[in-house]
Amino acid sequence: MSINIRASLAEMIASFAFVLFGTMAATSALVIIEADWGTSIIIIALTNGLIITLMIYAIGNVSGAHINPVVTISMIIHKKIDVGNGISYIIFQILGGIIAAATHAIVLPMGSEIKYALNTPGQFNGVTFNDSTVFAMELLLTFLLVFVIFGTAVNKKSPSGWAGFAIGMTVAIGHFIGLSVSGASMNPARTFGPALISSLQGLEGAFQSHYIYWIAPILGGILAGLVYNYVIISKKDGE
């Protein structure tokens, strides 16, 4: 079994871009221009959706454009990628997230005010959402994301060329819905990078409820793959 380093590097670069621009959009909206929360949600959601769309089209023909450990785990389970390359993808995705958070800290150090857009349970109108609510939100959002990925990027009968747009819009919609509740991570690499850099800088609460942002997305992604492959389509349909 040989490891495709080119594909892993492509995953790292795309993960770097996704985490960097998504989190810097939050710093720009919330810290630099001090936009109201409604405007900030629009800026953050569209930035995340658009950058993931661009990265999918940029590296899709190199690595399949997972850009998310949850997606890679689902692809391993359904034998769309072998275990060795899957593990390599995950390592490089996480590295991309860490490098992105470090770059954010260097380029826009004022991002420390919001812990470099770290995903943690949200606070809205004086209410902090509890871990069970955050867990449910992350599971549901990731289920939808991975379901769309299987339906548009994996299924060979899906309309050609639309996967990037569909997945990017799903990410944006996830942010519109979940940003105030959980931060709308849907991606452990997206959460771990800012958490690590915030922790290294001594920022309080860097790993608050961090387990949620691994377990809930992974469970949601696995469930989505199983539902799509064994409930929605039949073997004769092909993928």
C-alpha atoms as a PDB file:
ATOM      1  CA  MET A   1       0.000   0.000   0.000  1.00  0.00           C
ATOM      2  CA  SER A   2       1.559   3.285  -1.109  1.00  0.00           C
ATOM      3  CA  ILE A   3       0.697   6.681   0.327  1.00  0.00           C
ATOM      4  CA  ASN A   4      -0.219   9.393  -2.165  1.00  0.00           C
ATOM      5  CA  ILE A   5       1.697  12.327  -0.692  1.00  0.00           C
ATOM      6  CA  ARG A   6       0.507  14.704  -3.429  1.00  0.00           C
ATOM      7  CA  ALA A   7      -3.085  14.048  -2.438  1.00  0.00           C
ATOM      8  CA  SER A   8      -2.307  14.452   1.265  1.00  0.00           C
ATOM      9  CA  LEU A   9      -0.549  17.756   0.614  1.00  0.00           C
ATOM     10  CA  ALA A  10      -3.521  18.928  -1.432  1.00  0.00           C
ATOM     11  CA  GLU A  11      -5.741  18.101   1.557  1.00  0.00           C
ATOM     12  CA  MET A  12      -3.439  20.075   3.852  1.00  0.00           C
ATOM     13  CA  ILE A  13      -3.449  23.154   1.614  1.00  0.00           C
ATOM     14  CA  ALA A  14      -7.225  23.076   1.177  1.00  0.00           C
ATOM     15  CA  SER A  15      -7.761  22.574   4.925  1.00  0.00           C
ATOM     16  CA  PHE A  16      -5.355  25.432   5.584  1.00  0.00           C
ATOM     17  CA  ALA A  17      -7.312  27.723   3.257  1.00  0.00           C
ATOM     18  CA  PHE A  18     -10.673  26.690   4.677  1.00  0.00           C
ATOM     19  CA  VAL A  19      -9.694  27.203   8.318  1.00  0.00           C
ATOM     20  CA  LEU A  20      -7.677  30.367   7.664  1.00  0.00           C
ATOM     21  CA  PHE A  21     -10.197  32.308   5.627  1.00  0.00           C
ATOM     22  CA  GLY A  22     -13.194  31.060   7.601  1.00  0.00           C
ATOM     23  CA  THR A  23     -11.714  32.146  10.922  1.00  0.00           C
ATOM     24  CA  MET A  24     -10.229  35.386   9.588  1.00  0.00           C
ATOM     25  CA  ALA A  25     -13.679  36.304   8.289  1.00  0.00           C
ATOM     26  CA  ALA A  26     -14.920  36.017  11.866  1.00  0.00           C
ATOM     27  CA  THR A  27     -12.110  38.234  13.154  1.00  0.00           C
ATOM     28  CA  SER A  28     -12.754  40.751  10.390  1.00  0.00           C
ATOM     29  CA  ALA A  29     -16.496  40.885  11.060  1.00  0.00           C
ATOM     30  CA  LEU A  30     -16.557  40.723  14.847  1.00  0.00           C
ATOM     31  CA  VAL A  31     -13.316  42.448  15.855  1.00  0.00           C
ATOM     32  CA  ILE A  32     -12.102  44.723  13.057  1.00  0.00           C
ATOM     33  CA  ILE A  33     -15.280  46.205  11.611  1.00  0.00           C
ATOM     34  CA  GLU A  34     -17.403  45.325  14.656  1.00  0.00           C
ATOM     35  CA  ALA A  35     -20.418  44.369  12.588  1.00  0.00           C
ATOM     36  CA  ASP A  36     -23.682  43.439  14.288  1.00  0.00           C
ATOM     37  CA  TRP A  37     -24.293  39.742  14.856  1.00  0.00           C
ATOM     38  CA  GLY A  38     -26.711  39.320  11.956  1.00  0.00           C
ATOM     39  CA  THR A  39     -24.293  40.869   9.470  1.00  0.00           C
ATOM     40  CA  SER A  40     -21.424  38.870  10.945  1.00  0.00           C
ATOM     41  CA  ILE A  41     -23.305  35.610  10.427  1.00  0.00           C
ATOM     42  CA  ILE A  42     -23.790  36.443   6.743  1.00  0.00           C
ATOM     43  CA  ILE A  43     -20.098  37.315   6.278  1.00  0.00           C
ATOM     44  CA  ILE A  44     -18.850  34.223   8.121  1.00  0.00           C
ATOM     45  CA  ALA A  45     -21.318  31.795   6.548  1.00  0.00           C
ATOM     46  CA  LEU A  46     -20.713  32.945   2.981  1.00  0.00           C
ATOM     47  CA  THR A  47     -16.926  33.030   3.421  1.00  0.00           C
ATOM     48  CA  ASN A  48     -16.889  29.464   4.710  1.00  0.00           C
ATOM     49  CA  GLY A  49     -19.228  28.257   1.983  1.00  0.00           C
ATOM     50  CA  LEU A  50     -17.349  30.011  -0.806  1.00  0.00           C
ATOM     51  CA  ILE A  51     -13.852  28.961   0.268  1.00  0.00           C
ATOM     52  CA  ILE A  52     -14.860  25.310   0.584  1.00  0.00           C
ATOM     53  CA  THR A  53     -16.454  25.515  -2.877  1.00  0.00           C
ATOM     54  CA  LEU A  54     -13.258  26.917  -4.388  1.00  0.00           C
ATOM     55  CA  MET A  55     -11.056  24.328  -2.680  1.00  0.00           C
ATOM     56  CA  ILE A  56     -13.261  21.463  -3.873  1.00  0.00           C
ATOM     57  CA  TYR A  57     -12.898  22.609  -7.473  1.00  0.00           C
ATOM     58  CA  ALA A  58      -9.173  23.235  -6.972  1.00  0.00           C
ATOM     59  CA  ILE A  59      -8.171  19.823  -5.568  1.00  0.00           C
ATOM     60  CA  GLY A  60     -11.108  17.553  -6.321  1.00  0.00           C
ATOM     61  CA  ASN A  61      -9.256  15.832  -9.155  1.00  0.00           C
ATOM     62  CA  VAL A  62      -6.161  15.340  -6.975  1.00  0.00           C
ATOM     63  CA  SER A  63      -7.482  14.019  -3.658  1.00  0.00           C
ATOM     64  CA  GLY A  64     -11.255  13.946  -3.904  1.00  0.00           C
ATOM     65  CA  ALA A  65     -11.367  17.118  -1.770  1.00  0.00           C
ATOM     66  CA  HIS A  66     -12.354  15.681   1.594  1.00  0.00           C
ATOM     67  CA  ILE A  67     -10.966  18.689   3.539  1.00  0.00           C
ATOM     68  CA  ASN A  68     -12.450  17.189   6.709  1.00  0.00           C
ATOM     69  CA  PRO A  69     -11.442  14.177   8.855  1.00  0.00           C
ATOM     70  CA  VAL A  70     -15.124  13.252   9.174  1.00  0.00           C
ATOM     71  CA  VAL A  71     -15.488  12.939   5.405  1.00  0.00           C
ATOM     72  CA  THR A  72     -12.324  10.842   5.215  1.00  0.00           C
ATOM     73  CA  ILE A  73     -13.524   8.516   7.975  1.00  0.00           C
ATOM     74  CA  SER A  74     -16.821   8.023   6.122  1.00  0.00           C
ATOM     75  CA  MET A  75     -14.940   7.320   2.891  1.00  0.00           C
ATOM     76  CA  ILE A  76     -12.729   4.748   4.656  1.00  0.00           C
ATOM     77  CA  ILE A  77     -15.795   2.965   6.022  1.00  0.00           C
ATOM     78  CA  HIS A  78     -17.363   2.769   2.574  1.00  0.00           C
ATOM     79  CA  LYS A  79     -14.072   1.799   0.931  1.00  0.00           C
ATOM     80  CA  LYS A  80     -13.761   4.917  -1.207  1.00  0.00           C
ATOM     81  CA  ILE A  81     -10.196   5.316   0.096  1.00  0.00           C
ATOM     82  CA  ASP A  82      -7.826   2.803   1.675  1.00  0.00           C
ATOM     83  CA  VAL A  83      -6.991   3.033   5.373  1.00  0.00           C
ATOM     84  CA  GLY A  84      -3.366   4.132   4.890  1.00  0.00           C
ATOM     85  CA  ASN A  85      -4.179   7.051   2.632  1.00  0.00           C
ATOM     86  CA  GLY A  86      -7.182   7.895   4.780  1.00  0.00           C
ATOM     87  CA  ILE A  87      -5.025   8.204   7.897  1.00  0.00           C
ATOM     88  CA  SER A  88      -2.543  10.308   5.924  1.00  0.00           C
ATOM     89  CA  TYR A  89      -5.368  12.601   4.791  1.00  0.00           C
ATOM     90  CA  ILE A  90      -6.562  13.071   8.370  1.00  0.00           C
ATOM     91  CA  ILE A  91      -3.087  13.904   9.670  1.00  0.00           C
ATOM     92  CA  PHE A  92      -2.498  16.443   6.910  1.00  0.00           C
ATOM     93  CA  GLN A  93      -5.976  17.979   7.337  1.00  0.00           C
ATOM     94  CA  ILE A  94      -5.295  18.541  11.031  1.00  0.00           C
ATOM     95  CA  LEU A  95      -1.856  19.975  10.237  1.00  0.00           C
ATOM     96  CA  GLY A  96      -3.492  22.348   7.771  1.00  0.00           C
ATOM     97  CA  GLY A  97      -5.884  23.525  10.475  1.00  0.00           C
ATOM     98  CA  ILE A  98      -3.054  24.087  12.964  1.00  0.00           C
ATOM     99  CA  ILE A  99      -0.934  26.020  10.442  1.00  0.00           C
ATOM    100  CA  ALA A 100      -3.975  28.096   9.503  1.00  0.00           C
ATOM    101  CA  ALA A 101      -4.669  29.043  13.120  1.00  0.00           C
ATOM    102  CA  ALA A 102      -0.996  29.934  13.655  1.00  0.00           C
ATOM    103  CA  THR A 103      -1.052  32.068  10.493  1.00  0.00           C
ATOM    104  CA  HIS A 104      -4.218  33.772  11.718  1.00  0.00           C
ATOM    105  CA  ALA A 105      -2.454  34.613  14.993  1.00  0.00           C
ATOM    106  CA  ILE A 106       0.481  36.142  13.106  1.00  0.00           C
ATOM    107  CA  VAL A 107      -1.457  38.075  10.455  1.00  0.00           C
ATOM    108  CA  LEU A 108      -4.416  39.208  12.599  1.00  0.00           C
ATOM    109  CA  PRO A 109      -3.288  38.954  16.240  1.00  0.00           C
ATOM    110  CA  MET A 110      -6.420  40.804  17.333  1.00  0.00           C
ATOM    111  CA  GLY A 111      -8.183  37.533  16.553  1.00  0.00           C
ATOM    112  CA  SER A 112      -7.164  36.472  20.064  1.00  0.00           C
ATOM    113  CA  GLU A 113     -10.185  38.476  21.263  1.00  0.00           C
ATOM    114  CA  ILE A 114     -12.408  35.724  19.872  1.00  0.00           C
ATOM    115  CA  LYS A 115      -9.848  32.914  20.287  1.00  0.00           C
ATOM    116  CA  TYR A 116      -9.244  32.899  16.534  1.00  0.00           C
ATOM    117  CA  ALA A 117     -12.890  31.978  15.907  1.00  0.00           C
ATOM    118  CA  LEU A 118     -12.660  28.859  18.026  1.00  0.00           C
ATOM    119  CA  ASN A 119     -15.779  26.686  17.980  1.00  0.00           C
ATOM    120  CA  THR A 120     -17.316  26.539  21.463  1.00  0.00           C
ATOM    121  CA  PRO A 121     -20.894  26.383  22.788  1.00  0.00           C
ATOM    122  CA  GLY A 122     -22.551  29.639  21.782  1.00  0.00           C
ATOM    123  CA  GLN A 123     -23.998  32.412  23.886  1.00  0.00           C
ATOM    124  CA  PHE A 124     -27.002  34.291  22.578  1.00  0.00           C
ATOM    125  CA  ASN A 125     -29.368  36.685  24.371  1.00  0.00           C
ATOM    126  CA  GLY A 126     -27.698  35.806  27.658  1.00  0.00           C
ATOM    127  CA  VAL A 127     -28.175  32.062  27.211  1.00  0.00           C
ATOM    128  CA  THR A 128     -25.253  29.635  26.922  1.00  0.00           C
ATOM    129  CA  PHE A 129     -26.247  26.481  25.074  1.00  0.00           C
ATOM    130  CA  ASN A 130     -25.554  23.298  27.007  1.00  0.00           C
ATOM    131  CA  ASP A 131     -23.366  20.471  25.738  1.00  0.00           C
ATOM    132  CA  SER A 132     -26.281  18.241  24.748  1.00  0.00           C
ATOM    133  CA  THR A 133     -27.760  20.960  22.517  1.00  0.00           C
ATOM    134  CA  VAL A 134     -24.364  21.686  20.966  1.00  0.00           C
ATOM    135  CA  PHE A 135     -23.784  17.952  20.433  1.00  0.00           C
ATOM    136  CA  ALA A 136     -27.141  17.570  18.683  1.00  0.00           C
ATOM    137  CA  MET A 137     -26.490  20.597  16.475  1.00  0.00           C
ATOM    138  CA  GLU A 138     -23.051  19.392  15.370  1.00  0.00           C
ATOM    139  CA  LEU A 139     -24.368  15.893  14.699  1.00  0.00           C
ATOM    140  CA  LEU A 140     -27.287  17.173  12.606  1.00  0.00           C
ATOM    141  CA  LEU A 141     -25.229  19.690  10.630  1.00  0.00           C
ATOM    142  CA  THR A 142     -22.532  17.130   9.839  1.00  0.00           C
ATOM    143  CA  PHE A 143     -25.133  14.531   8.897  1.00  0.00           C
ATOM    144  CA  LEU A 144     -26.542  16.956   6.329  1.00  0.00           C
ATOM    145  CA  LEU A 145     -23.084  17.860   5.035  1.00  0.00           C
ATOM    146  CA  VAL A 146     -21.893  14.285   4.544  1.00  0.00           C
ATOM    147  CA  PHE A 147     -25.273  13.241   3.110  1.00  0.00           C
ATOM    148  CA  VAL A 148     -24.925  15.954   0.461  1.00  0.00           C
ATOM    149  CA  ILE A 149     -21.325  14.896  -0.224  1.00  0.00           C
ATOM    150  CA  PHE A 150     -22.367  11.308  -0.871  1.00  0.00           C
ATOM    151  CA  GLY A 151     -25.274  12.461  -3.019  1.00  0.00           C
ATOM    152  CA  THR A 152     -23.350  14.920  -5.180  1.00  0.00           C
ATOM    153  CA  ALA A 153     -19.661  13.951  -5.135  1.00  0.00           C
ATOM    154  CA  VAL A 154     -19.709  10.186  -4.585  1.00  0.00           C
ATOM    155  CA  ASN A 155     -22.778   9.010  -6.459  1.00  0.00           C
ATOM    156  CA  LYS A 156     -21.731   8.692 -10.098  1.00  0.00           C
ATOM    157  CA  LYS A 157     -25.265   9.404 -11.291  1.00  0.00           C
ATOM    158  CA  SER A 158     -25.342  12.882  -9.747  1.00  0.00           C
ATOM    159  CA  PRO A 159     -25.191  15.894 -12.122  1.00  0.00           C
ATOM    160  CA  SER A 160     -21.591  16.528 -13.155  1.00  0.00           C
ATOM    161  CA  GLY A 161     -19.842  19.666 -11.941  1.00  0.00           C
ATOM    162  CA  TRP A 162     -22.300  20.678  -9.218  1.00  0.00           C
ATOM    163  CA  ALA A 163     -20.742  18.951  -6.204  1.00  0.00           C
ATOM    164  CA  GLY A 164     -18.555  21.869  -5.162  1.00  0.00           C
ATOM    165  CA  PHE A 165     -21.427  24.332  -5.270  1.00  0.00           C
ATOM    166  CA  ALA A 166     -23.822  22.014  -3.428  1.00  0.00           C
ATOM    167  CA  ILE A 167     -21.316  21.198  -0.695  1.00  0.00           C
ATOM    168  CA  GLY A 168     -20.260  24.824  -0.296  1.00  0.00           C
ATOM    169  CA  MET A 169     -23.858  25.960   0.061  1.00  0.00           C
ATOM    170  CA  THR A 170     -24.459  23.212   2.629  1.00  0.00           C
ATOM    171  CA  VAL A 171     -21.527  24.550   4.661  1.00  0.00           C
ATOM    172  CA  ALA A 172     -22.947  28.075   4.394  1.00  0.00           C
ATOM    173  CA  ILE A 173     -26.420  26.941   5.433  1.00  0.00           C
ATOM    174  CA  GLY A 174     -24.878  25.055   8.352  1.00  0.00           C
ATOM    175  CA  HIS A 175     -23.322  28.317   9.526  1.00  0.00           C
ATOM    176  CA  PHE A 176     -26.576  30.250   9.144  1.00  0.00           C
ATOM    177  CA  ILE A 177     -28.294  27.680  11.361  1.00  0.00           C
ATOM    178  CA  GLY A 178     -25.613  26.625  13.819  1.00  0.00           C
ATOM    179  CA  LEU A 179     -23.164  29.495  14.224  1.00  0.00           C
ATOM    180  CA  SER A 180     -25.000  30.941  17.233  1.00  0.00           C
ATOM    181  CA  VAL A 181     -25.386  27.533  18.893  1.00  0.00           C
ATOM    182  CA  SER A 182     -22.215  25.529  18.346  1.00  0.00           C
ATOM    183  CA  GLY A 183     -20.058  27.624  16.046  1.00  0.00           C
ATOM    184  CA  ALA A 184     -21.038  25.313  13.160  1.00  0.00           C
ATOM    185  CA  SER A 185     -17.792  23.368  13.011  1.00  0.00           C
ATOM    186  CA  MET A 186     -18.784  20.121  11.242  1.00  0.00           C
ATOM    187  CA  ASN A 187     -15.046  19.500  11.018  1.00  0.00           C
ATOM    188  CA  PRO A 188     -12.646  18.487  13.837  1.00  0.00           C
ATOM    189  CA  ALA A 189      -9.662  20.042  12.039  1.00  0.00           C
ATOM    190  CA  ARG A 190     -11.526  23.363  11.932  1.00  0.00           C
ATOM    191  CA  THR A 191     -11.948  23.296  15.715  1.00  0.00           C
ATOM    192  CA  PHE A 192      -8.657  21.745  16.800  1.00  0.00           C
ATOM    193  CA  GLY A 193      -6.342  24.269  15.086  1.00  0.00           C
ATOM    194  CA  PRO A 194      -7.754  27.386  16.775  1.00  0.00           C
ATOM    195  CA  ALA A 195      -8.116  25.483  20.071  1.00  0.00           C
ATOM    196  CA  LEU A 196      -4.450  24.490  20.072  1.00  0.00           C
ATOM    197  CA  ILE A 197      -3.139  27.958  19.199  1.00  0.00           C
ATOM    198  CA  SER A 198      -5.477  29.594  21.732  1.00  0.00           C
ATOM    199  CA  SER A 199      -4.290  27.154  24.391  1.00  0.00           C
ATOM    200  CA  LEU A 200      -0.623  27.802  23.590  1.00  0.00           C
ATOM    201  CA  GLN A 201      -1.322  31.520  24.045  1.00  0.00           C
ATOM    202  CA  GLY A 202      -2.916  30.856  27.412  1.00  0.00           C
ATOM    203  CA  LEU A 203      -6.404  31.919  26.361  1.00  0.00           C
ATOM    204  CA  GLU A 204      -9.028  30.642  28.774  1.00  0.00           C
ATOM    205  CA  GLY A 205     -11.514  28.003  27.677  1.00  0.00           C
ATOM    206  CA  ALA A 206      -9.612  26.947  24.562  1.00  0.00           C
ATOM    207  CA  PHE A 207     -10.679  23.318  24.893  1.00  0.00           C
ATOM    208  CA  GLN A 208     -14.126  23.934  26.393  1.00  0.00           C
ATOM    209  CA  SER A 209     -16.439  21.046  25.447  1.00  0.00           C
ATOM    210  CA  HIS A 210     -13.857  20.113  22.808  1.00  0.00           C
ATOM    211  CA  TYR A 211     -14.839  16.430  22.795  1.00  0.00           C
ATOM    212  CA  ILE A 212     -18.148  17.396  21.185  1.00  0.00           C
ATOM    213  CA  TYR A 213     -16.418  18.713  18.089  1.00  0.00           C
ATOM    214  CA  TRP A 214     -14.859  15.316  17.453  1.00  0.00           C
ATOM    215  CA  ILE A 215     -17.500  12.833  18.549  1.00  0.00           C
ATOM    216  CA  ALA A 216     -20.653  14.532  17.228  1.00  0.00           C
ATOM    217  CA  PRO A 217     -19.369  15.251  13.680  1.00  0.00           C
ATOM    218  CA  ILE A 218     -17.849  11.772  13.367  1.00  0.00           C
ATOM    219  CA  LEU A 219     -21.107  10.119  14.445  1.00  0.00           C
ATOM    220  CA  GLY A 220     -23.126  12.388  12.146  1.00  0.00           C
ATOM    221  CA  GLY A 221     -20.842  11.646   9.201  1.00  0.00           C
ATOM    222  CA  ILE A 222     -20.895   7.893   9.745  1.00  0.00           C
ATOM    223  CA  LEU A 223     -24.682   7.902  10.091  1.00  0.00           C
ATOM    224  CA  ALA A 224     -25.092   9.949   6.909  1.00  0.00           C
ATOM    225  CA  GLY A 225     -22.916   7.553   4.917  1.00  0.00           C
ATOM    226  CA  LEU A 226     -24.851   4.551   6.188  1.00  0.00           C
ATOM    227  CA  VAL A 227     -28.244   6.114   5.490  1.00  0.00           C
ATOM    228  CA  TYR A 228     -27.275   7.216   2.001  1.00  0.00           C
ATOM    229  CA  ASN A 229     -25.615   3.972   0.990  1.00  0.00           C
ATOM    230  CA  TYR A 230     -28.017   1.479   2.553  1.00  0.00           C
ATOM    231  CA  VAL A 231     -31.361   3.314   2.686  1.00  0.00           C
ATOM    232  CA  ILE A 232     -31.451   5.939  -0.054  1.00  0.00           C
ATOM    233  CA  ILE A 233     -29.750   4.109  -2.914  1.00  0.00           C
ATOM    234  CA  SER A 234     -29.583   0.449  -3.883  1.00  0.00           C
ATOM    235  CA  LYS A 235     -26.522  -1.433  -5.099  1.00  0.00           C
ATOM    236  CA  LYS A 236     -27.897  -1.566  -8.637  1.00  0.00           C
ATOM    237  CA  ASP A 237     -27.915   2.228  -8.754  1.00  0.00           C
ATOM    238  CA  GLY A 238     -24.125   2.317  -8.415  1.00  0.00           C
ATOM    239  CA  GLU A 239     -22.111   5.257  -7.131  1.00  0.00           C
END
